[in-house]
């Protein structure tokens, strides 16, 4: 046996730093696609459009009600005879219950978007179930019926989400964001241009009439909705609600 030379250091194969960074980036991208992409179906069925060649589209709004912007959107939609779907936060409904009641009375569809819209409560099965159930209880008190549509905050879903939804007879719903930076309220024309470019027959478009569970200025969104609706109408599109687009119930009895 050959003796080791004094002072020699064993050689270990190591990955270069760029390869490690590339691997980390790939892992992050894969995690994002699985957990938060609008289009990923890896964890469960998460419809973002209907398979139809007809020029029909569903406009949807998240994080409300948030005044006066939710009512401004509703006023415009009602003037045009457009029915939309509002995925609402329980805390915000408690704050503006009359707005939710009005939307439902006007023929718009209300969906569950969690009770508090808190990122940290979207992961553990217990807190996730509480968020969904507490929001349903708010709708029962406000509308006297329970939404059957659910859109998770930030579109975040975990393996625990889908069994919880099945137990409560809730249909998960995704969509296509009108603009990735809408939260920062860029110019209405920018939001509208990006939204129009993304629309396809059978699509579900996601706007935000609120911000998390807090109030926020959404004047750019209000103006963008008008541009998008008018341009789509000129292009021959008609508007519907998410439940009708997907062929699923909108509500159930308590």
Protein backbone atom coordinates (compact mmCIF):
# COMPACT_ATOMS: atom_id res chain seq x y z
CA UNK A 1 0.00 0.00 0.00
CA UNK A 2 1.34 3.34 -1.02
CA UNK A 3 1.70 5.79 1.89
CA UNK A 4 0.08 9.19 1.55
CA UNK A 5 2.50 11.98 1.00
CA UNK A 6 2.93 14.40 3.85
CA UNK A 7 0.77 17.48 3.41
CA UNK A 8 -1.40 16.01 0.65
CA UNK A 9 -5.11 17.02 0.66
CA UNK A 10 -7.83 14.65 -0.60
CA UNK A 11 -9.51 15.86 -3.74
CA UNK A 12 -13.30 16.10 -3.79
CA UNK A 13 -15.35 16.79 -6.86
CA UNK A 14 -17.30 20.04 -6.47
CA UNK A 15 -19.83 21.75 -8.70
CA UNK A 16 -18.88 25.18 -9.97
CA UNK A 17 -20.83 28.07 -8.49
CA UNK A 18 -22.67 28.89 -11.76
CA UNK A 19 -23.99 25.32 -11.92
CA UNK A 20 -25.24 25.53 -8.32
CA UNK A 21 -26.96 28.85 -9.02
CA UNK A 22 -28.50 27.49 -12.20
CA UNK A 23 -29.81 24.46 -10.33
CA UNK A 24 -31.30 26.65 -7.60
CA UNK A 25 -32.96 28.89 -10.17
CA UNK A 26 -34.42 25.87 -11.94
CA UNK A 27 -35.77 24.52 -8.64
CA UNK A 28 -37.37 27.86 -7.80
CA UNK A 29 -38.92 28.09 -11.25
CA UNK A 30 -40.32 24.57 -10.93
CA UNK A 31 -41.75 25.37 -7.49
CA UNK A 32 -43.37 28.54 -8.77
CA UNK A 33 -44.90 26.73 -11.74
CA UNK A 34 -46.30 23.99 -9.52
CA UNK A 35 -47.65 26.17 -6.71
CA UNK A 36 -48.52 29.56 -8.24
CA UNK A 37 -48.62 29.46 -12.03
CA UNK A 38 -52.06 30.31 -13.46
CA UNK A 39 -51.82 27.37 -15.84
CA UNK A 40 -50.20 24.51 -13.88
CA UNK A 41 -52.38 21.43 -13.33
CA UNK A 42 -49.77 19.36 -11.48
CA UNK A 43 -51.49 19.35 -8.09
CA UNK A 44 -55.07 19.21 -9.31
CA UNK A 45 -57.52 20.51 -11.88
CA UNK A 46 -57.28 24.29 -11.89
CA UNK A 47 -59.22 25.65 -14.90
CA UNK A 48 -58.04 28.92 -16.41
CA UNK A 49 -60.22 28.76 -19.51
CA UNK A 50 -62.94 26.69 -21.12
CA UNK A 51 -62.30 24.56 -24.17
CA UNK A 52 -64.52 26.40 -26.60
CA UNK A 53 -63.86 28.09 -29.96
CA UNK A 54 -66.62 30.63 -29.28
CA UNK A 55 -65.66 34.22 -28.67
CA UNK A 56 -66.74 34.26 -25.06
CA UNK A 57 -64.78 35.53 -22.07
CA UNK A 58 -65.31 35.81 -18.32
CA UNK A 59 -64.16 38.96 -16.55
CA UNK A 60 -63.25 38.34 -12.91
CA UNK A 61 -62.17 40.58 -10.04
CA UNK A 62 -60.16 39.68 -6.93
CA UNK A 63 -59.52 41.12 -3.46
CA UNK A 64 -62.68 43.23 -3.07
CA UNK A 65 -65.00 44.67 -2.24
CA UNK A 66 -62.97 47.87 -2.12
CA UNK A 67 -64.78 51.16 -2.32
CA UNK A 68 -65.38 53.23 -4.35
CA UNK A 69 -63.66 51.14 -7.05
CA UNK A 70 -65.77 47.99 -6.84
CA UNK A 71 -68.94 50.04 -7.23
CA UNK A 72 -67.42 52.03 -10.10
CA UNK A 73 -66.68 48.79 -11.93
CA UNK A 74 -70.16 47.48 -11.16
CA UNK A 75 -71.77 50.69 -12.44
CA UNK A 76 -69.95 50.38 -15.76
CA UNK A 77 -70.66 46.67 -16.15
CA UNK A 78 -74.34 47.21 -15.44
CA UNK A 79 -74.52 50.02 -18.01
CA UNK A 80 -73.11 47.62 -20.61
CA UNK A 81 -75.20 44.64 -19.50
CA UNK A 82 -72.05 42.65 -18.63
CA UNK A 83 -72.11 40.06 -15.87
CA UNK A 84 -68.83 39.32 -14.11
CA UNK A 85 -67.45 37.18 -11.27
CA UNK A 86 -66.10 38.76 -8.08
CA UNK A 87 -63.82 36.63 -5.89
CA UNK A 88 -64.11 38.42 -2.57
CA UNK A 89 -62.22 38.45 0.72
CA UNK A 90 -64.32 37.75 3.82
CA UNK A 91 -62.90 40.65 5.83
CA UNK A 92 -63.68 43.04 2.99
CA UNK A 93 -67.21 41.69 2.67
CA UNK A 94 -67.75 42.40 6.36
CA UNK A 95 -66.51 45.93 5.74
CA UNK A 96 -68.71 46.52 2.66
CA UNK A 97 -71.49 43.95 2.89
CA UNK A 98 -73.92 46.20 1.04
CA UNK A 99 -71.64 46.14 -2.02
CA UNK A 100 -71.57 42.35 -2.09
CA UNK A 101 -75.34 42.23 -1.72
CA UNK A 102 -75.75 44.69 -4.56
CA UNK A 103 -73.42 42.76 -6.87
CA UNK A 104 -75.34 39.54 -6.29
CA UNK A 105 -78.67 41.32 -6.80
CA UNK A 106 -77.41 42.72 -10.10
CA UNK A 107 -76.66 39.21 -11.37
CA UNK A 108 -72.92 39.11 -10.84
CA UNK A 109 -71.46 35.96 -9.30
CA UNK A 110 -69.61 36.00 -5.97
CA UNK A 111 -66.73 33.61 -5.26
CA UNK A 112 -64.65 32.77 -2.19
CA UNK A 113 -61.16 34.34 -2.08
CA UNK A 114 -60.28 33.43 1.56
CA UNK A 115 -61.20 35.24 4.74
CA UNK A 116 -58.08 37.34 5.39
CA UNK A 117 -55.91 37.00 2.23
CA UNK A 118 -52.86 36.28 4.40
CA UNK A 119 -49.92 34.54 2.73
CA UNK A 120 -48.84 32.67 5.85
CA UNK A 121 -52.29 31.09 6.26
CA UNK A 122 -52.31 29.52 2.78
CA UNK A 123 -49.97 26.64 3.59
CA UNK A 124 -50.92 24.56 6.64
CA UNK A 125 -54.08 22.46 6.13
CA UNK A 126 -55.68 23.73 9.36
CA UNK A 127 -55.29 27.46 8.65
CA UNK A 128 -56.14 26.98 4.98
CA UNK A 129 -59.38 25.24 5.91
CA UNK A 130 -60.19 27.97 8.43
CA UNK A 131 -59.68 30.67 5.81
CA UNK A 132 -62.07 28.98 3.40
CA UNK A 133 -64.69 28.06 6.01
CA UNK A 134 -64.68 31.47 7.72
CA UNK A 135 -65.18 33.18 4.38
CA UNK A 136 -68.08 30.86 3.55
CA UNK A 137 -69.71 31.77 6.86
CA UNK A 138 -69.47 35.47 5.98
CA UNK A 139 -71.20 34.81 2.65
CA UNK A 140 -73.90 32.76 4.37
CA UNK A 141 -74.60 35.68 6.68
CA UNK A 142 -74.47 38.24 3.86
CA UNK A 143 -76.11 36.43 0.94
CA UNK A 144 -77.95 33.55 2.58
CA UNK A 145 -76.16 31.09 0.29
CA UNK A 146 -72.70 29.64 -0.20
CA UNK A 147 -70.41 30.26 -3.20
CA UNK A 148 -69.25 27.16 -5.07
CA UNK A 149 -66.31 28.93 -6.74
CA UNK A 150 -62.96 29.41 -5.00
CA UNK A 151 -59.85 31.23 -6.17
CA UNK A 152 -56.85 31.03 -3.81
CA UNK A 153 -54.97 34.23 -2.96
CA UNK A 154 -52.02 34.68 -5.33
CA UNK A 155 -53.34 31.49 -7.03
CA UNK A 156 -51.30 29.65 -4.39
CA UNK A 157 -52.23 25.99 -4.00
CA UNK A 158 -50.67 23.15 -2.07
CA UNK A 159 -51.45 19.41 -2.10
CA UNK A 160 -53.71 20.03 0.93
CA UNK A 161 -55.93 22.51 -0.91
CA UNK A 162 -57.79 20.23 -3.28
CA UNK A 163 -59.07 17.71 -0.67
CA UNK A 164 -60.30 20.65 1.44
CA UNK A 165 -62.18 22.06 -1.54
CA UNK A 166 -63.73 18.69 -2.38
CA UNK A 167 -64.98 18.31 1.19
CA UNK A 168 -66.74 21.66 0.85
CA UNK A 169 -67.99 21.15 -2.73
CA UNK A 170 -65.93 24.09 -3.97
CA UNK A 171 -64.62 24.46 -7.54
CA UNK A 172 -61.08 25.90 -7.81
CA UNK A 173 -60.74 28.59 -10.46
CA UNK A 174 -57.66 30.10 -12.05
CA UNK A 175 -57.44 32.56 -14.95
CA UNK A 176 -55.02 34.84 -16.77
CA UNK A 177 -53.77 37.99 -15.08
CA UNK A 178 -54.64 41.17 -16.96
CA UNK A 179 -51.15 42.51 -16.29
CA UNK A 180 -48.36 41.16 -14.04
CA UNK A 181 -47.82 44.62 -12.52
CA UNK A 182 -51.45 45.62 -12.10
CA UNK A 183 -50.95 45.67 -8.33
CA UNK A 184 -48.71 48.74 -8.85
CA UNK A 185 -51.37 50.43 -11.02
CA UNK A 186 -49.54 51.26 -14.24
CA UNK A 187 -51.36 53.38 -16.83
CA UNK A 188 -54.77 51.98 -17.84
CA UNK A 189 -53.65 51.68 -21.45
CA UNK A 190 -50.75 49.42 -20.44
CA UNK A 191 -53.01 47.15 -18.39
CA UNK A 192 -55.58 46.99 -21.18
CA UNK A 193 -53.02 46.33 -23.91
CA UNK A 194 -51.54 43.37 -22.03
CA UNK A 195 -54.98 42.00 -21.13
CA UNK A 196 -56.25 42.19 -24.71
CA UNK A 197 -53.14 40.44 -26.00
CA UNK A 198 -53.74 37.55 -23.59
CA UNK A 199 -57.45 37.01 -24.25
CA UNK A 200 -58.45 33.80 -26.04
CA UNK A 201 -61.89 32.26 -26.68
CA UNK A 202 -63.14 30.75 -23.43
CA UNK A 203 -60.65 32.71 -21.33
CA UNK A 204 -60.96 33.97 -17.76
CA UNK A 205 -59.34 37.37 -17.16
CA UNK A 206 -58.21 38.35 -13.65
CA UNK A 207 -58.42 41.99 -12.55
CA UNK A 208 -58.08 43.30 -9.00
CA UNK A 209 -60.63 45.72 -7.58
CA UNK A 210 -58.88 45.55 -4.19
CA UNK A 211 -55.49 44.80 -2.68
CA UNK A 212 -55.09 41.87 -0.28
CA UNK A 213 -57.59 42.58 2.53
CA UNK A 214 -56.85 46.30 2.52
CA UNK A 215 -58.18 49.23 0.58
CA UNK A 216 -56.10 50.62 -2.28
CA UNK A 217 -56.45 52.99 -5.21
CA UNK A 218 -57.65 50.99 -8.21
CA UNK A 219 -58.52 53.83 -10.59
CA UNK A 220 -56.20 52.47 -13.31
CA UNK A 221 -57.96 49.11 -13.14
CA UNK A 222 -61.38 50.77 -13.39
CA UNK A 223 -60.31 52.65 -16.52
CA UNK A 224 -58.60 49.57 -18.00
CA UNK A 225 -61.73 47.45 -17.59
CA UNK A 226 -63.66 49.93 -19.72
CA UNK A 227 -61.05 49.80 -22.48
CA UNK A 228 -60.88 46.00 -22.43
CA UNK A 229 -64.66 45.51 -22.44
CA UNK A 230 -65.16 47.95 -25.30
CA UNK A 231 -62.35 46.49 -27.41
CA UNK A 232 -63.52 42.92 -26.85
CA UNK A 233 -67.09 43.89 -27.75
CA UNK A 234 -65.85 45.44 -31.00
CA UNK A 235 -63.93 42.22 -31.68
CA UNK A 236 -67.14 40.19 -31.40
CA UNK A 237 -66.69 38.77 -27.90
CA UNK A 238 -69.56 38.25 -25.50
CA UNK A 239 -69.23 38.15 -21.73
CA UNK A 240 -70.30 35.54 -19.21
CA UNK A 241 -69.66 34.49 -15.63
CA UNK A 242 -67.12 31.85 -14.59
CA UNK A 243 -69.73 29.32 -13.49
CA UNK A 244 -71.53 29.47 -16.84
CA UNK A 245 -68.28 29.36 -18.76
CA UNK A 246 -67.13 26.22 -16.92
CA UNK A 247 -70.59 24.65 -16.61
CA UNK A 248 -70.52 24.42 -12.81
CA UNK A 249 -72.89 25.68 -10.08
CA UNK A 250 -72.36 29.19 -8.71
CA UNK A 251 -73.96 28.61 -5.29
CA UNK A 252 -75.37 26.04 -2.94
CA UNK A 253 -77.76 26.29 0.00
CA UNK A 254 -76.25 26.60 3.50
